[in-house]
Amino acid sequence: TRSGWSVLVRGLAEEITPAHRAELVARTEGTGLTTWAPGEHGHW
């Protein structure tokens, strides 16, 4: 149909580690995000 949409986000990326507030770590991991690619993807 030659239709569609595109969204662009510009921002600051920050790795979440145990050094962050426990509440922030829990919220981040609480998204339930899983990866499609094989292998370990343990960095949030």
PDB file of all heavy atoms in Angstrom:
ATOM      1  N   THR A   1       0.812  -1.222   0.000  1.00  0.00           N
ATOM      2  CA  THR A   1       0.000   0.000   0.000  1.00  0.00           C
ATOM      3  C   THR A   1       0.843   1.268   0.000  1.00  0.00           C
ATOM      4  O   THR A   1       0.301   2.364  -0.047  1.00  0.00           O
ATOM      5  CB  THR A   1      -0.928   0.039   1.232  1.00  0.00           C
ATOM      6  OG1 THR A   1      -0.127   0.085   2.418  1.00  0.00           O
ATOM      7  CG2 THR A   1      -1.850  -1.156   1.254  1.00  0.00           C
ATOM      8  N   ARG A   2       2.164   1.091   0.079  1.00  0.00           N
ATOM      9  CA  ARG A   2       3.086   2.229   0.120  1.00  0.00           C
ATOM     10  C   ARG A   2       2.743   3.156   1.280  1.00  0.00           C
ATOM     11  O   ARG A   2       2.683   4.371   1.152  1.00  0.00           O
ATOM     12  CB  ARG A   2       3.098   2.968  -1.211  1.00  0.00           C
ATOM     13  CG  ARG A   2       3.548   2.054  -2.350  1.00  0.00           C
ATOM     14  CD  ARG A   2       3.542   2.753  -3.649  1.00  0.00           C
ATOM     15  NE  ARG A   2       4.630   3.730  -3.650  1.00  0.00           N
ATOM     16  CZ  ARG A   2       5.045   4.358  -4.718  1.00  0.00           C
ATOM     17  NH1 ARG A   2       4.470   4.155  -5.872  1.00  0.00           N
ATOM     18  NH2 ARG A   2       6.028   5.220  -4.626  1.00  0.00           N
ATOM     19  N   SER A   3       2.495   2.543   2.430  1.00  0.00           N
ATOM     20  CA  SER A   3       2.154   3.306   3.629  1.00  0.00           C
ATOM     21  C   SER A   3       3.039   2.819   4.772  1.00  0.00           C
ATOM     22  O   SER A   3       3.703   1.792   4.671  1.00  0.00           O
ATOM     23  CB  SER A   3       0.681   3.110   3.988  1.00  0.00           C
ATOM     24  OG  SER A   3       0.429   1.747   4.300  1.00  0.00           O
ATOM     25  N   GLY A   4       3.022   3.558   5.854  1.00  0.00           N
ATOM     26  CA  GLY A   4       3.777   3.132   7.018  1.00  0.00           C
ATOM     27  C   GLY A   4       4.102   4.290   7.929  1.00  0.00           C
ATOM     28  O   GLY A   4       3.629   5.412   7.735  1.00  0.00           O
ATOM     29  N   TRP A   5       4.920   3.965   8.931  1.00  0.00           N
ATOM     30  CA  TRP A   5       5.318   4.984   9.889  1.00  0.00           C
ATOM     31  C   TRP A   5       6.745   4.724  10.346  1.00  0.00           C
ATOM     32  O   TRP A   5       7.267   3.618  10.193  1.00  0.00           O
ATOM     33  CB  TRP A   5       4.367   5.037  11.083  1.00  0.00           C
ATOM     34  CG  TRP A   5       4.226   3.715  11.809  1.00  0.00           C
ATOM     35  CD1 TRP A   5       3.252   2.776  11.605  1.00  0.00           C
ATOM     36  CD2 TRP A   5       5.063   3.204  12.845  1.00  0.00           C
ATOM     37  NE1 TRP A   5       3.440   1.708  12.447  1.00  0.00           N
ATOM     38  CE2 TRP A   5       4.546   1.946  13.219  1.00  0.00           C
ATOM     39  CE3 TRP A   5       6.198   3.665  13.489  1.00  0.00           C
ATOM     40  CZ2 TRP A   5       5.129   1.153  14.210  1.00  0.00           C
ATOM     41  CZ3 TRP A   5       6.780   2.879  14.476  1.00  0.00           C
ATOM     42  CH2 TRP A   5       6.243   1.643  14.822  1.00  0.00           C
ATOM     43  N   SER A   6       7.354   5.747  10.891  1.00  0.00           N
ATOM     44  CA  SER A   6       8.713   5.653  11.418  1.00  0.00           C
ATOM     45  C   SER A   6       8.814   6.571  12.632  1.00  0.00           C
ATOM     46  O   SER A   6       8.322   7.694  12.609  1.00  0.00           O
ATOM     47  CB  SER A   6       9.716   6.091  10.356  1.00  0.00           C
ATOM     48  OG  SER A   6      11.029   6.017  10.855  1.00  0.00           O
ATOM     49  N   VAL A   7       9.444   6.048  13.696  1.00  0.00           N
ATOM     50  CA  VAL A   7       9.659   6.828  14.916  1.00  0.00           C
ATOM     51  C   VAL A   7      11.159   6.854  15.201  1.00  0.00           C
ATOM     52  O   VAL A   7      11.829   5.823  15.157  1.00  0.00           O
ATOM     53  CB  VAL A   7       8.890   6.220  16.108  1.00  0.00           C
ATOM     54  CG1 VAL A   7       9.283   6.908  17.417  1.00  0.00           C
ATOM     55  CG2 VAL A   7       7.384   6.329  15.880  1.00  0.00           C
ATOM     56  N   LEU A   8      11.669   8.028  15.491  1.00  0.00           N
ATOM     57  CA  LEU A   8      13.075   8.214  15.823  1.00  0.00           C
ATOM     58  C   LEU A   8      13.183   8.792  17.226  1.00  0.00           C
ATOM     59  O   LEU A   8      12.549   9.799  17.545  1.00  0.00           O
ATOM     60  CB  LEU A   8      13.738   9.183  14.829  1.00  0.00           C
ATOM     61  CG  LEU A   8      15.189   9.552  15.124  1.00  0.00           C
ATOM     62  CD1 LEU A   8      16.095   8.338  15.009  1.00  0.00           C
ATOM     63  CD2 LEU A   8      15.641  10.660  14.191  1.00  0.00           C
ATOM     64  N   VAL A   9      13.997   8.122  18.052  1.00  0.00           N
ATOM     65  CA  VAL A   9      14.242   8.575  19.420  1.00  0.00           C
ATOM     66  C   VAL A   9      15.719   8.942  19.522  1.00  0.00           C
ATOM     67  O   VAL A   9      16.579   8.176  19.100  1.00  0.00           O
ATOM     68  CB  VAL A   9      13.905   7.477  20.449  1.00  0.00           C
ATOM     69  CG1 VAL A   9      14.193   7.946  21.868  1.00  0.00           C
ATOM     70  CG2 VAL A   9      12.460   7.034  20.307  1.00  0.00           C
ATOM     71  N   ARG A  10      15.991  10.085  20.088  1.00  0.00           N
ATOM     72  CA  ARG A  10      17.361  10.499  20.397  1.00  0.00           C
ATOM     73  C   ARG A  10      17.460  10.556  21.909  1.00  0.00           C
ATOM     74  O   ARG A  10      16.572  11.103  22.570  1.00  0.00           O
ATOM     75  CB  ARG A  10      17.665  11.863  19.777  1.00  0.00           C
ATOM     76  CG  ARG A  10      17.620  11.814  18.253  1.00  0.00           C
ATOM     77  CD  ARG A  10      17.481  13.177  17.603  1.00  0.00           C
ATOM     78  NE  ARG A  10      16.426  14.052  18.109  1.00  0.00           N
ATOM     79  CZ  ARG A  10      15.135  13.941  17.816  1.00  0.00           C
ATOM     80  NH1 ARG A  10      14.706  12.978  17.056  1.00  0.00           N
ATOM     81  NH2 ARG A  10      14.256  14.785  18.311  1.00  0.00           N
ATOM     82  N   GLY A  11      18.519   9.958  22.445  1.00  0.00           N
ATOM     83  CA  GLY A  11      18.598   9.952  23.889  1.00  0.00           C
ATOM     84  C   GLY A  11      19.918   9.465  24.428  1.00  0.00           C
ATOM     85  O   GLY A  11      20.871   9.212  23.692  1.00  0.00           O
ATOM     86  N   LEU A  12      19.932   9.319  25.741  1.00  0.00           N
ATOM     87  CA  LEU A  12      21.121   8.892  26.466  1.00  0.00           C
ATOM     88  C   LEU A  12      20.947   7.438  26.874  1.00  0.00           C
ATOM     89  O   LEU A  12      19.939   7.080  27.486  1.00  0.00           O
ATOM     90  CB  LEU A  12      21.314   9.757  27.713  1.00  0.00           C
ATOM     91  CG  LEU A  12      22.483   9.375  28.616  1.00  0.00           C
ATOM     92  CD1 LEU A  12      23.805   9.616  27.908  1.00  0.00           C
ATOM     93  CD2 LEU A  12      22.416  10.152  29.918  1.00  0.00           C
ATOM     94  N   ALA A  13      21.921   6.610  26.529  1.00  0.00           N
ATOM     95  CA  ALA A  13      21.894   5.198  26.907  1.00  0.00           C
ATOM     96  C   ALA A  13      22.705   5.012  28.180  1.00  0.00           C
ATOM     97  O   ALA A  13      23.769   5.613  28.354  1.00  0.00           O
ATOM     98  CB  ALA A  13      22.464   4.336  25.790  1.00  0.00           C
ATOM     99  N   GLU A  14      22.183   4.174  29.071  1.00  0.00           N
ATOM    100  CA  GLU A  14      22.854   3.925  30.347  1.00  0.00           C
ATOM    101  C   GLU A  14      22.653   2.466  30.731  1.00  0.00           C
ATOM    102  O   GLU A  14      21.519   1.978  30.775  1.00  0.00           O
ATOM    103  CB  GLU A  14      22.268   4.835  31.419  1.00  0.00           C
ATOM    104  CG  GLU A  14      22.810   4.579  32.790  1.00  0.00           C
ATOM    105  CD  GLU A  14      22.180   5.476  33.841  1.00  0.00           C
ATOM    106  OE1 GLU A  14      20.969   5.736  33.772  1.00  0.00           O
ATOM    107  OE2 GLU A  14      22.927   5.887  34.739  1.00  0.00           O
ATOM    108  N   GLU A  15      23.753   1.771  31.011  1.00  0.00           N
ATOM    109  CA  GLU A  15      23.639   0.394  31.475  1.00  0.00           C
ATOM    110  C   GLU A  15      23.159   0.399  32.919  1.00  0.00           C
ATOM    111  O   GLU A  15      23.636   1.172  33.749  1.00  0.00           O
ATOM    112  CB  GLU A  15      24.967  -0.344  31.373  1.00  0.00           C
ATOM    113  CG  GLU A  15      24.833  -1.790  31.807  1.00  0.00           C
ATOM    114  CD  GLU A  15      26.097  -2.610  31.672  1.00  0.00           C
ATOM    115  OE1 GLU A  15      27.150  -2.048  31.306  1.00  0.00           O
ATOM    116  OE2 GLU A  15      26.033  -3.820  31.944  1.00  0.00           O
ATOM    117  N   ILE A  16      22.219  -0.472  33.210  1.00  0.00           N
ATOM    118  CA  ILE A  16      21.694  -0.617  34.568  1.00  0.00           C
ATOM    119  C   ILE A  16      22.440  -1.762  35.234  1.00  0.00           C
ATOM    120  O   ILE A  16      22.475  -2.882  34.718  1.00  0.00           O
ATOM    121  CB  ILE A  16      20.178  -0.888  34.544  1.00  0.00           C
ATOM    122  CG1 ILE A  16      19.447   0.253  33.839  1.00  0.00           C
ATOM    123  CG2 ILE A  16      19.638  -1.111  35.950  1.00  0.00           C
ATOM    124  CD1 ILE A  16      19.678   1.629  34.440  1.00  0.00           C
ATOM    125  N   THR A  17      23.043  -1.475  36.367  1.00  0.00           N
ATOM    126  CA  THR A  17      23.844  -2.460  37.098  1.00  0.00           C
ATOM    127  C   THR A  17      23.333  -2.559  38.532  1.00  0.00           C
ATOM    128  O   THR A  17      22.513  -1.729  38.966  1.00  0.00           O
ATOM    129  CB  THR A  17      25.328  -2.037  37.120  1.00  0.00           C
ATOM    130  OG1 THR A  17      25.452  -0.852  37.917  1.00  0.00           O
ATOM    131  CG2 THR A  17      25.859  -1.778  35.709  1.00  0.00           C
ATOM    132  N   PRO A  18      23.818  -3.536  39.303  1.00  0.00           N
ATOM    133  CA  PRO A  18      23.422  -3.628  40.713  1.00  0.00           C
ATOM    134  C   PRO A  18      23.760  -2.376  41.525  1.00  0.00           C
ATOM    135  O   PRO A  18      23.208  -2.176  42.603  1.00  0.00           O
ATOM    136  CB  PRO A  18      24.190  -4.848  41.218  1.00  0.00           C
ATOM    137  CG  PRO A  18      24.399  -5.684  39.992  1.00  0.00           C
ATOM    138  CD  PRO A  18      24.601  -4.696  38.872  1.00  0.00           C
ATOM    139  N   ALA A  19      24.632  -1.509  41.002  1.00  0.00           N
ATOM    140  CA  ALA A  19      24.971  -0.273  41.700  1.00  0.00           C
ATOM    141  C   ALA A  19      23.813   0.735  41.664  1.00  0.00           C
ATOM    142  O   ALA A  19      23.798   1.677  42.445  1.00  0.00           O
ATOM    143  CB  ALA A  19      26.222   0.355  41.094  1.00  0.00           C
ATOM    144  N   HIS A  20      22.865   0.536  40.759  1.00  0.00           N
ATOM    145  CA  HIS A  20      21.691   1.414  40.697  1.00  0.00           C
ATOM    146  C   HIS A  20      20.703   1.033  41.799  1.00  0.00           C
ATOM    147  O   HIS A  20      20.805  -0.041  42.392  1.00  0.00           O
ATOM    148  CB  HIS A  20      21.011   1.312  39.321  1.00  0.00           C
ATOM    149  CG  HIS A  20      21.770   2.014  38.247  1.00  0.00           C
ATOM    150  ND1 HIS A  20      22.793   1.416  37.550  1.00  0.00           N
ATOM    151  CD2 HIS A  20      21.655   3.261  37.745  1.00  0.00           C
ATOM    152  CE1 HIS A  20      23.275   2.260  36.667  1.00  0.00           C
ATOM    153  NE2 HIS A  20      22.604   3.404  36.768  1.00  0.00           N
ATOM    154  N   ARG A  21      19.745   1.907  42.035  1.00  0.00           N
ATOM    155  CA  ARG A  21      18.709   1.623  43.033  1.00  0.00           C
ATOM    156  C   ARG A  21      18.013   0.305  42.713  1.00  0.00           C
ATOM    157  O   ARG A  21      17.713   0.010  41.552  1.00  0.00           O
ATOM    158  CB  ARG A  21      17.667   2.742  43.045  1.00  0.00           C
ATOM    159  CG  ARG A  21      18.191   4.089  43.488  1.00  0.00           C
ATOM    160  CD  ARG A  21      17.065   5.133  43.575  1.00  0.00           C
ATOM    161  NE  ARG A  21      15.990   4.972  42.623  1.00  0.00           N
ATOM    162  CZ  ARG A  21      15.890   5.637  41.473  1.00  0.00           C
ATOM    163  NH1 ARG A  21      16.808   6.496  41.134  1.00  0.00           N
ATOM    164  NH2 ARG A  21      14.871   5.445  40.676  1.00  0.00           N
ATOM    165  N   ALA A  22      17.736  -0.467  43.729  1.00  0.00           N
ATOM    166  CA  ALA A  22      17.079  -1.772  43.542  1.00  0.00           C
ATOM    167  C   ALA A  22      15.748  -1.616  42.816  1.00  0.00           C
ATOM    168  O   ALA A  22      15.384  -2.452  41.976  1.00  0.00           O
ATOM    169  CB  ALA A  22      16.888  -2.454  44.895  1.00  0.00           C
ATOM    170  N   GLU A  23      15.031  -0.525  43.111  1.00  0.00           N
ATOM    171  CA  GLU A  23      13.730  -0.292  42.474  1.00  0.00           C
ATOM    172  C   GLU A  23      13.888  -0.091  40.969  1.00  0.00           C
ATOM    173  O   GLU A  23      13.099  -0.593  40.179  1.00  0.00           O
ATOM    174  CB  GLU A  23      13.072   0.928  43.145  1.00  0.00           C
ATOM    175  CG  GLU A  23      11.755   1.354  42.541  1.00  0.00           C
ATOM    176  CD  GLU A  23      11.928   2.473  41.516  1.00  0.00           C
ATOM    177  OE1 GLU A  23      12.887   3.246  41.619  1.00  0.00           O
ATOM    178  OE2 GLU A  23      11.094   2.547  40.607  1.00  0.00           O
ATOM    179  N   LEU A  24      14.942   0.620  40.542  1.00  0.00           N
ATOM    180  CA  LEU A  24      15.189   0.846  39.119  1.00  0.00           C
ATOM    181  C   LEU A  24      15.578  -0.461  38.430  1.00  0.00           C
ATOM    182  O   LEU A  24      15.104  -0.763  37.336  1.00  0.00           O
ATOM    183  CB  LEU A  24      16.280   1.903  38.918  1.00  0.00           C
ATOM    184  CG  LEU A  24      16.626   2.227  37.460  1.00  0.00           C
ATOM    185  CD1 LEU A  24      15.418   2.792  36.732  1.00  0.00           C
ATOM    186  CD2 LEU A  24      17.796   3.191  37.399  1.00  0.00           C
ATOM    187  N   VAL A  25      16.417  -1.242  39.066  1.00  0.00           N
ATOM    188  CA  VAL A  25      16.808  -2.543  38.516  1.00  0.00           C
ATOM    189  C   VAL A  25      15.569  -3.426  38.362  1.00  0.00           C
ATOM    190  O   VAL A  25      15.353  -4.051  37.316  1.00  0.00           O
ATOM    191  CB  VAL A  25      17.873  -3.226  39.400  1.00  0.00           C
ATOM    192  CG1 VAL A  25      18.147  -4.647  38.938  1.00  0.00           C
ATOM    193  CG2 VAL A  25      19.162  -2.400  39.427  1.00  0.00           C
ATOM    194  N   ALA A  26      14.726  -3.465  39.369  1.00  0.00           N
ATOM    195  CA  ALA A  26      13.513  -4.300  39.336  1.00  0.00           C
ATOM    196  C   ALA A  26      12.560  -3.845  38.229  1.00  0.00           C
ATOM    197  O   ALA A  26      11.995  -4.672  37.508  1.00  0.00           O
ATOM    198  CB  ALA A  26      12.813  -4.271  40.691  1.00  0.00           C
ATOM    199  N   ARG A  27      12.366  -2.534  38.082  1.00  0.00           N
ATOM    200  CA  ARG A  27      11.490  -2.019  37.021  1.00  0.00           C
ATOM    201  C   ARG A  27      12.033  -2.369  35.649  1.00  0.00           C
ATOM    202  O   ARG A  27      11.285  -2.753  34.745  1.00  0.00           O
ATOM    203  CB  ARG A  27      11.350  -0.498  37.134  1.00  0.00           C
ATOM    204  CG  ARG A  27      10.298  -0.046  38.096  1.00  0.00           C
ATOM    205  CD  ARG A  27       9.909   1.424  37.964  1.00  0.00           C
ATOM    206  NE  ARG A  27      10.624   2.232  37.016  1.00  0.00           N
ATOM    207  CZ  ARG A  27      11.386   3.282  37.338  1.00  0.00           C
ATOM    208  NH1 ARG A  27      11.536   3.648  38.599  1.00  0.00           N
ATOM    209  NH2 ARG A  27      11.981   3.986  36.407  1.00  0.00           N
ATOM    210  N   THR A  28      13.342  -2.223  35.482  1.00  0.00           N
ATOM    211  CA  THR A  28      13.973  -2.512  34.193  1.00  0.00           C
ATOM    212  C   THR A  28      13.823  -3.989  33.843  1.00  0.00           C
ATOM    213  O   THR A  28      13.366  -4.336  32.756  1.00  0.00           O
ATOM    214  CB  THR A  28      15.461  -2.113  34.228  1.00  0.00           C
ATOM    215  OG1 THR A  28      15.551  -0.710  34.523  1.00  0.00           O
ATOM    216  CG2 THR A  28      16.142  -2.391  32.899  1.00  0.00           C
ATOM    217  N   GLU A  29      14.180  -4.855  34.768  1.00  0.00           N
ATOM    218  CA  GLU A  29      14.085  -6.295  34.523  1.00  0.00           C
ATOM    219  C   GLU A  29      12.630  -6.753  34.473  1.00  0.00           C
ATOM    220  O   GLU A  29      12.308  -7.758  33.835  1.00  0.00           O
ATOM    221  CB  GLU A  29      14.875  -7.064  35.568  1.00  0.00           C
ATOM    222  CG  GLU A  29      16.370  -6.800  35.450  1.00  0.00           C
ATOM    223  CD  GLU A  29      17.202  -7.497  36.510  1.00  0.00           C
ATOM    224  OE1 GLU A  29      16.634  -8.183  37.391  1.00  0.00           O
ATOM    225  OE2 GLU A  29      18.442  -7.353  36.452  1.00  0.00           O
ATOM    226  N   GLY A  30      11.739  -5.990  35.097  1.00  0.00           N
ATOM    227  CA  GLY A  30      10.318  -6.313  35.112  1.00  0.00           C
ATOM    228  C   GLY A  30       9.630  -6.143  33.774  1.00  0.00           C
ATOM    229  O   GLY A  30       8.483  -6.562  33.613  1.00  0.00           O
ATOM    230  N   THR A  31      10.312  -5.540  32.803  1.00  0.00           N
ATOM    231  CA  THR A  31       9.715  -5.422  31.469  1.00  0.00           C
ATOM    232  C   THR A  31       9.554  -6.793  30.831  1.00  0.00           C
ATOM    233  O   THR A  31       8.775  -6.943  29.885  1.00  0.00           O
ATOM    234  CB  THR A  31      10.557  -4.532  30.540  1.00  0.00           C
ATOM    235  OG1 THR A  31      11.842  -5.127  30.353  1.00  0.00           O
ATOM    236  CG2 THR A  31      10.675  -3.116  31.082  1.00  0.00           C
ATOM    237  N   GLY A  32      10.304  -7.782  31.323  1.00  0.00           N
ATOM    238  CA  GLY A  32      10.212  -9.125  30.759  1.00  0.00           C
ATOM    239  C   GLY A  32      10.836  -9.254  29.389  1.00  0.00           C
ATOM    240  O   GLY A  32      10.588 -10.220  28.675  1.00  0.00           O
ATOM    241  N   LEU A  33      11.674  -8.313  29.024  1.00  0.00           N
ATOM    242  CA  LEU A  33      12.296  -8.323  27.704  1.00  0.00           C
ATOM    243  C   LEU A  33      13.131  -9.580  27.497  1.00  0.00           C
ATOM    244  O   LEU A  33      13.978  -9.911  28.315  1.00  0.00           O
ATOM    245  CB  LEU A  33      13.182  -7.076  27.539  1.00  0.00           C
ATOM    246  CG  LEU A  33      14.006  -6.980  26.264  1.00  0.00           C
ATOM    247  CD1 LEU A  33      13.108  -6.953  25.035  1.00  0.00           C
ATOM    248  CD2 LEU A  33      14.891  -5.750  26.312  1.00  0.00           C
ATOM    249  N   THR A  34      12.850 -10.278  26.418  1.00  0.00           N
ATOM    250  CA  THR A  34      13.670 -11.420  26.016  1.00  0.00           C
ATOM    251  C   THR A  34      14.273 -11.115  24.660  1.00  0.00           C
ATOM    252  O   THR A  34      13.715 -10.348  23.875  1.00  0.00           O
ATOM    253  CB  THR A  34      12.847 -12.720  25.929  1.00  0.00           C
ATOM    254  OG1 THR A  34      11.789 -12.520  24.991  1.00  0.00           O
ATOM    255  CG2 THR A  34      12.258 -13.099  27.282  1.00  0.00           C
ATOM    256  N   THR A  35      15.409 -11.715  24.382  1.00  0.00           N
ATOM    257  CA  THR A  35      16.087 -11.468  23.111  1.00  0.00           C
ATOM    258  C   THR A  35      15.833 -12.615  22.148  1.00  0.00           C
ATOM    259  O   THR A  35      15.587 -13.746  22.561  1.00  0.00           O
ATOM    260  CB  THR A  35      17.601 -11.300  23.321  1.00  0.00           C
ATOM    261  OG1 THR A  35      18.116 -12.491  23.906  1.00  0.00           O
ATOM    262  CG2 THR A  35      17.894 -10.116  24.224  1.00  0.00           C
ATOM    263  N   TRP A  36      15.900 -12.306  20.873  1.00  0.00           N
ATOM    264  CA  TRP A  36      15.731 -13.326  19.846  1.00  0.00           C
ATOM    265  C   TRP A  36      17.062 -13.997  19.526  1.00  0.00           C
ATOM    266  O   TRP A  36      17.097 -15.170  19.210  1.00  0.00           O
ATOM    267  CB  TRP A  36      15.183 -12.708  18.572  1.00  0.00           C
ATOM    268  CG  TRP A  36      13.768 -12.238  18.649  1.00  0.00           C
ATOM    269  CD1 TRP A  36      12.991 -12.089  19.769  1.00  0.00           C
ATOM    270  CD2 TRP A  36      12.948 -11.849  17.562  1.00  0.00           C
ATOM    271  NE1 TRP A  36      11.752 -11.627  19.441  1.00  0.00           N
ATOM    272  CE2 TRP A  36      11.694 -11.472  18.082  1.00  0.00           C
ATOM    273  CE3 TRP A  36      13.139 -11.771  16.202  1.00  0.00           C
ATOM    274  CZ2 TRP A  36      10.644 -11.032  17.282  1.00  0.00           C
ATOM    275  CZ3 TRP A  36      12.105 -11.335  15.405  1.00  0.00           C
ATOM    276  CH2 TRP A  36      10.871 -10.970  15.944  1.00  0.00           C
ATOM    277  N   ALA A  37      18.141 -13.234  19.583  1.00  0.00           N
ATOM    278  CA  ALA A  37      19.454 -13.773  19.212  1.00  0.00           C
ATOM    279  C   ALA A  37      19.927 -14.749  20.284  1.00  0.00           C
ATOM    280  O   ALA A  37      19.678 -14.546  21.475  1.00  0.00           O
ATOM    281  CB  ALA A  37      20.454 -12.633  19.061  1.00  0.00           C
ATOM    282  N   PRO A  38      20.608 -15.803  19.860  1.00  0.00           N
ATOM    283  CA  PRO A  38      21.132 -16.747  20.850  1.00  0.00           C
ATOM    284  C   PRO A  38      22.276 -16.128  21.636  1.00  0.00           C
ATOM    285  O   PRO A  38      22.853 -15.117  21.231  1.00  0.00           O
ATOM    286  CB  PRO A  38      21.623 -17.917  19.984  1.00  0.00           C
ATOM    287  CG  PRO A  38      21.901 -17.309  18.647  1.00  0.00           C
ATOM    288  CD  PRO A  38      20.934 -16.176  18.488  1.00  0.00           C
ATOM    289  N   GLY A  39      22.582 -16.743  22.758  1.00  0.00           N
ATOM    290  CA  GLY A  39      23.704 -16.279  23.570  1.00  0.00           C
ATOM    291  C   GLY A  39      23.240 -15.513  24.784  1.00  0.00           C
ATOM    292  O   GLY A  39      22.057 -15.232  24.972  1.00  0.00           O
ATOM    293  N   GLU A  40      24.203 -15.178  25.600  1.00  0.00           N
ATOM    294  CA  GLU A  40      23.951 -14.465  26.851  1.00  0.00           C
ATOM    295  C   GLU A  40      23.791 -12.964  26.563  1.00  0.00           C
ATOM    296  O   GLU A  40      24.644 -12.354  25.935  1.00  0.00           O
ATOM    297  CB  GLU A  40      25.108 -14.694  27.822  1.00  0.00           C
ATOM    298  CG  GLU A  40      24.992 -13.931  29.114  1.00  0.00           C
ATOM    299  CD  GLU A  40      23.689 -14.223  29.865  1.00  0.00           C
ATOM    300  OE1 GLU A  40      23.251 -15.382  29.871  1.00  0.00           O
ATOM    301  OE2 GLU A  40      23.123 -13.277  30.438  1.00  0.00           O
ATOM    302  N   HIS A  41      22.696 -12.413  27.001  1.00  0.00           N
ATOM    303  CA  HIS A  41      22.414 -10.980  26.848  1.00  0.00           C
ATOM    304  C   HIS A  41      22.066 -10.414  28.220  1.00  0.00           C
ATOM    305  O   HIS A  41      20.984  -9.879  28.423  1.00  0.00           O
ATOM    306  CB  HIS A  41      21.274 -10.759  25.861  1.00  0.00           C
ATOM    307  CG  HIS A  41      21.605 -11.151  24.465  1.00  0.00           C
ATOM    308  ND1 HIS A  41      21.538 -12.441  24.014  1.00  0.00           N
ATOM    309  CD2 HIS A  41      22.048 -10.412  23.425  1.00  0.00           C
ATOM    310  CE1 HIS A  41      21.894 -12.487  22.750  1.00  0.00           C
ATOM    311  NE2 HIS A  41      22.216 -11.259  22.369  1.00  0.00           N
ATOM    312  N   GLY A  42      22.996 -10.535  29.151  1.00  0.00           N
ATOM    313  CA  GLY A  42      22.725 -10.186  30.535  1.00  0.00           C
ATOM    314  C   GLY A  42      22.897  -8.732  30.906  1.00  0.00           C
ATOM    315  O   GLY A  42      22.736  -8.376  32.069  1.00  0.00           O
ATOM    316  N   HIS A  43      23.216  -7.884  29.941  1.00  0.00           N
ATOM    317  CA  HIS A  43      23.398  -6.459  30.238  1.00  0.00           C
ATOM    318  C   HIS A  43      22.130  -5.708  29.866  1.00  0.00           C
ATOM    319  O   HIS A  43      21.648  -5.779  28.745  1.00  0.00           O
ATOM    320  CB  HIS A  43      24.592  -5.895  29.463  1.00  0.00           C
ATOM    321  CG  HIS A  43      25.889  -6.515  29.866  1.00  0.00           C
ATOM    322  ND1 HIS A  43      26.679  -5.996  30.864  1.00  0.00           N
ATOM    323  CD2 HIS A  43      26.511  -7.634  29.431  1.00  0.00           C
ATOM    324  CE1 HIS A  43      27.740  -6.755  31.016  1.00  0.00           C
ATOM    325  NE2 HIS A  43      27.662  -7.763  30.163  1.00  0.00           N
ATOM    326  N   TRP A  44      21.595  -4.985  30.852  1.00  0.00           N
ATOM    327  CA  TRP A  44      20.370  -4.206  30.670  1.00  0.00           C
ATOM    328  C   TRP A  44      20.743  -2.750  30.427  1.00  0.00           C
ATOM    329  O   TRP A  44      21.538  -2.173  31.176  1.00  0.00           O
ATOM    330  CB  TRP A  44      19.496  -4.304  31.907  1.00  0.00           C
ATOM    331  CG  TRP A  44      18.940  -5.678  32.129  1.00  0.00           C
ATOM    332  CD1 TRP A  44      19.563  -6.726  32.742  1.00  0.00           C
ATOM    333  CD2 TRP A  44      17.657  -6.144  31.744  1.00  0.00           C
ATOM    334  NE1 TRP A  44      18.742  -7.815  32.763  1.00  0.00           N
ATOM    335  CE2 TRP A  44      17.554  -7.476  32.161  1.00  0.00           C
ATOM    336  CE3 TRP A  44      16.568  -5.559  31.090  1.00  0.00           C
ATOM    337  CZ2 TRP A  44      16.414  -8.255  31.938  1.00  0.00           C
ATOM    338  CZ3 TRP A  44      15.441  -6.320  30.875  1.00  0.00           C
ATOM    339  CH2 TRP A  44      15.365  -7.650  31.291  1.00  0.00           C
TER     340      TRP A  44
END
